[in-house]
Amino acid sequence: MKSEFSLSVQYASEAQDIPKRHTFRKCVKAAVEMPCAITIRIVDLEEGLDLNRNFRGKDYATNVLTFVYDDQEPLMGDIVICAPVIAKEASDQGKSLEEHYAHMTIHGALHLQGYDHEEEEEAEKMETMEKCILERLGYPDPYRV
């Protein structure tokens, strides 16, 4: 049972319509399986690009990045979400901003716990978990066509 839960949300983006802290909290609480101390940072393109370039060697801003500081109890890490990328993806995929933020928050929380999607079997497991968590929270299947 989760005994400790700490979540900080940093709004470092000029974007509009970013969910409130309680939405992020609900998503992280539903996805994390152990006591944790997590920071979510919402960033703009420049910071998203800098982080992805410096830590992953990729020359583009991505939707979500995770940084694990301690994977033991309590789990400690950061989830960085790039607001303009989320907005574009939500529009392109016909999703609401809130549901895409929820999906990427849960996706990041699962990454913090060691889940991955590099191999097909891992990806299927992670996607199934995401769908189940999102459904419990009242969000639609993020992988629907």
Protein backbone atom coordinates (compact mmCIF):
# COMPACT_ATOMS: atom_id res chain seq x y z
CA MET A 1 0.00 0.00 0.00
CA LYS A 2 1.27 3.47 -0.85
CA SER A 3 2.14 5.26 2.37
CA GLU A 4 4.01 8.27 1.00
CA PHE A 5 3.07 10.32 -2.01
CA SER A 6 4.69 13.61 -2.94
CA LEU A 7 4.02 15.40 -6.22
CA SER A 8 5.28 18.79 -7.32
CA VAL A 9 4.11 20.37 -10.58
CA GLN A 10 6.18 23.09 -12.21
CA TYR A 11 4.52 25.18 -14.91
CA ALA A 12 7.44 26.45 -17.03
CA SER A 13 5.40 26.88 -20.20
CA GLU A 14 3.46 29.73 -21.76
CA ALA A 15 0.92 27.25 -23.16
CA GLN A 16 -2.76 27.60 -22.34
CA ASP A 17 -5.08 24.83 -21.20
CA ILE A 18 -2.49 22.87 -19.21
CA PRO A 19 -4.27 20.69 -16.66
CA LYS A 20 -4.30 21.70 -13.02
CA ARG A 21 -2.18 19.98 -10.38
CA HIS A 22 -5.08 17.82 -9.17
CA THR A 23 -5.37 16.20 -12.63
CA PHE A 24 -1.67 15.32 -12.69
CA ARG A 25 -1.92 14.06 -9.11
CA LYS A 26 -4.86 11.79 -9.95
CA CYS A 27 -2.94 10.29 -12.89
CA VAL A 28 0.32 9.72 -11.02
CA LYS A 29 -1.47 8.23 -8.00
CA ALA A 30 -3.28 5.78 -10.29
CA ALA A 31 -0.05 4.73 -12.05
CA VAL A 32 2.56 4.56 -9.29
CA GLU A 33 2.78 1.30 -7.38
CA MET A 34 5.01 2.45 -4.49
CA PRO A 35 5.71 5.44 -2.26
CA CYS A 36 7.14 8.26 -4.37
CA ALA A 37 8.43 11.79 -4.65
CA ILE A 38 7.89 12.99 -8.22
CA THR A 39 8.14 16.34 -9.95
CA ILE A 40 6.27 17.02 -13.16
CA ARG A 41 7.64 19.93 -15.18
CA ILE A 42 5.62 21.34 -18.08
CA VAL A 43 7.99 22.99 -20.57
CA ASP A 44 7.98 24.82 -23.91
CA LEU A 45 9.78 23.70 -27.07
CA GLU A 46 13.15 25.26 -26.28
CA GLU A 47 13.56 23.52 -22.93
CA GLY A 48 12.11 20.28 -24.30
CA LEU A 49 14.61 20.34 -27.17
CA ASP A 50 17.53 21.15 -24.86
CA LEU A 51 16.69 18.30 -22.50
CA ASN A 52 16.15 15.74 -25.25
CA ARG A 53 19.37 16.80 -26.98
CA ASN A 54 21.48 16.82 -23.82
CA PHE A 55 20.17 13.64 -22.22
CA ARG A 56 19.13 11.47 -25.15
CA GLY A 57 21.17 12.87 -28.04
CA LYS A 58 17.98 13.52 -30.04
CA ASP A 59 17.66 16.81 -31.91
CA TYR A 60 13.94 17.41 -31.38
CA ALA A 61 11.53 18.09 -28.55
CA THR A 62 9.62 14.96 -27.52
CA ASN A 63 6.30 14.64 -25.70
CA VAL A 64 7.55 13.22 -22.38
CA LEU A 65 10.92 12.58 -20.77
CA THR A 66 11.56 10.79 -17.49
CA PHE A 67 14.51 11.08 -15.15
CA VAL A 68 14.82 8.46 -12.41
CA TYR A 69 16.87 9.48 -9.36
CA ASP A 70 16.04 6.49 -7.16
CA ASP A 71 14.03 3.47 -8.22
CA GLN A 72 13.79 2.07 -4.68
CA GLU A 73 11.15 3.12 -2.17
CA PRO A 74 10.41 5.93 -2.22
CA LEU A 75 10.60 6.20 -6.01
CA MET A 76 12.15 9.56 -6.92
CA GLY A 77 12.17 11.18 -10.33
CA ASP A 78 11.03 13.82 -12.74
CA ILE A 79 8.55 13.71 -15.59
CA VAL A 80 9.04 16.47 -18.17
CA ILE A 81 6.14 17.12 -20.53
CA CYS A 82 6.55 19.41 -23.54
CA ALA A 83 3.29 21.38 -23.85
CA PRO A 84 3.53 22.34 -27.56
CA VAL A 85 4.29 18.74 -28.56
CA ILE A 86 1.35 17.49 -26.48
CA ALA A 87 -0.96 20.07 -28.07
CA LYS A 88 0.11 19.13 -31.61
CA GLU A 89 -0.17 15.39 -30.95
CA ALA A 90 -3.60 15.78 -29.33
CA SER A 91 -4.82 17.76 -32.34
CA ASP A 92 -3.29 15.33 -34.86
CA GLN A 93 -4.77 12.33 -33.02
CA GLY A 94 -8.21 13.84 -32.45
CA LYS A 95 -7.88 13.75 -28.66
CA SER A 96 -8.65 16.32 -26.03
CA LEU A 97 -5.68 18.00 -24.39
CA GLU A 98 -6.70 16.66 -21.00
CA GLU A 99 -6.81 13.04 -22.15
CA HIS A 100 -3.44 13.31 -23.91
CA TYR A 101 -1.84 14.95 -20.85
CA ALA A 102 -3.32 12.15 -18.72
CA HIS A 103 -1.90 9.51 -21.07
CA MET A 104 1.58 11.07 -21.18
CA THR A 105 1.62 11.56 -17.39
CA ILE A 106 0.77 7.90 -16.84
CA HIS A 107 3.26 6.90 -19.55
CA GLY A 108 5.98 8.88 -17.76
CA ALA A 109 5.05 7.45 -14.35
CA LEU A 110 5.34 3.92 -15.74
CA HIS A 111 8.75 4.74 -17.23
CA LEU A 112 9.89 5.95 -13.79
CA GLN A 113 9.03 2.50 -12.45
CA GLY A 114 11.11 0.74 -15.09
CA TYR A 115 8.47 -0.05 -17.69
CA ASP A 116 9.57 0.41 -21.28
CA HIS A 117 8.40 -0.04 -24.86
CA GLU A 118 11.61 -0.79 -26.76
CA GLU A 119 10.70 -4.44 -27.39
CA GLU A 120 7.30 -5.52 -28.72
CA GLU A 121 6.43 -7.60 -25.64
CA GLU A 122 7.37 -4.71 -23.31
CA ALA A 123 5.37 -2.27 -25.43
CA GLU A 124 2.27 -4.48 -25.30
CA LYS A 125 2.52 -4.77 -21.51
CA MET A 126 3.02 -1.03 -21.06
CA GLU A 127 0.19 -0.12 -23.45
CA THR A 128 -2.17 -2.54 -21.69
CA MET A 129 -1.30 -0.97 -18.34
CA GLU A 130 -1.83 2.54 -19.74
CA LYS A 131 -5.23 1.60 -21.16
CA CYS A 132 -6.36 -0.01 -17.88
CA ILE A 133 -5.24 2.95 -15.75
CA LEU A 134 -6.81 5.48 -18.11
CA GLU A 135 -10.05 3.51 -18.25
CA ARG A 136 -10.21 3.44 -14.43
CA LEU A 137 -9.88 7.24 -14.50
CA GLY A 138 -12.63 7.60 -17.11
CA TYR A 139 -10.43 8.32 -20.14
CA PRO A 140 -10.78 6.54 -23.49
CA ASP A 141 -8.26 4.10 -24.97
CA PRO A 142 -5.36 6.29 -26.15
CA TYR A 143 -4.50 3.81 -28.90
CA ARG A 144 -7.95 3.80 -30.50
CA VAL A 145 -8.02 4.42 -34.23
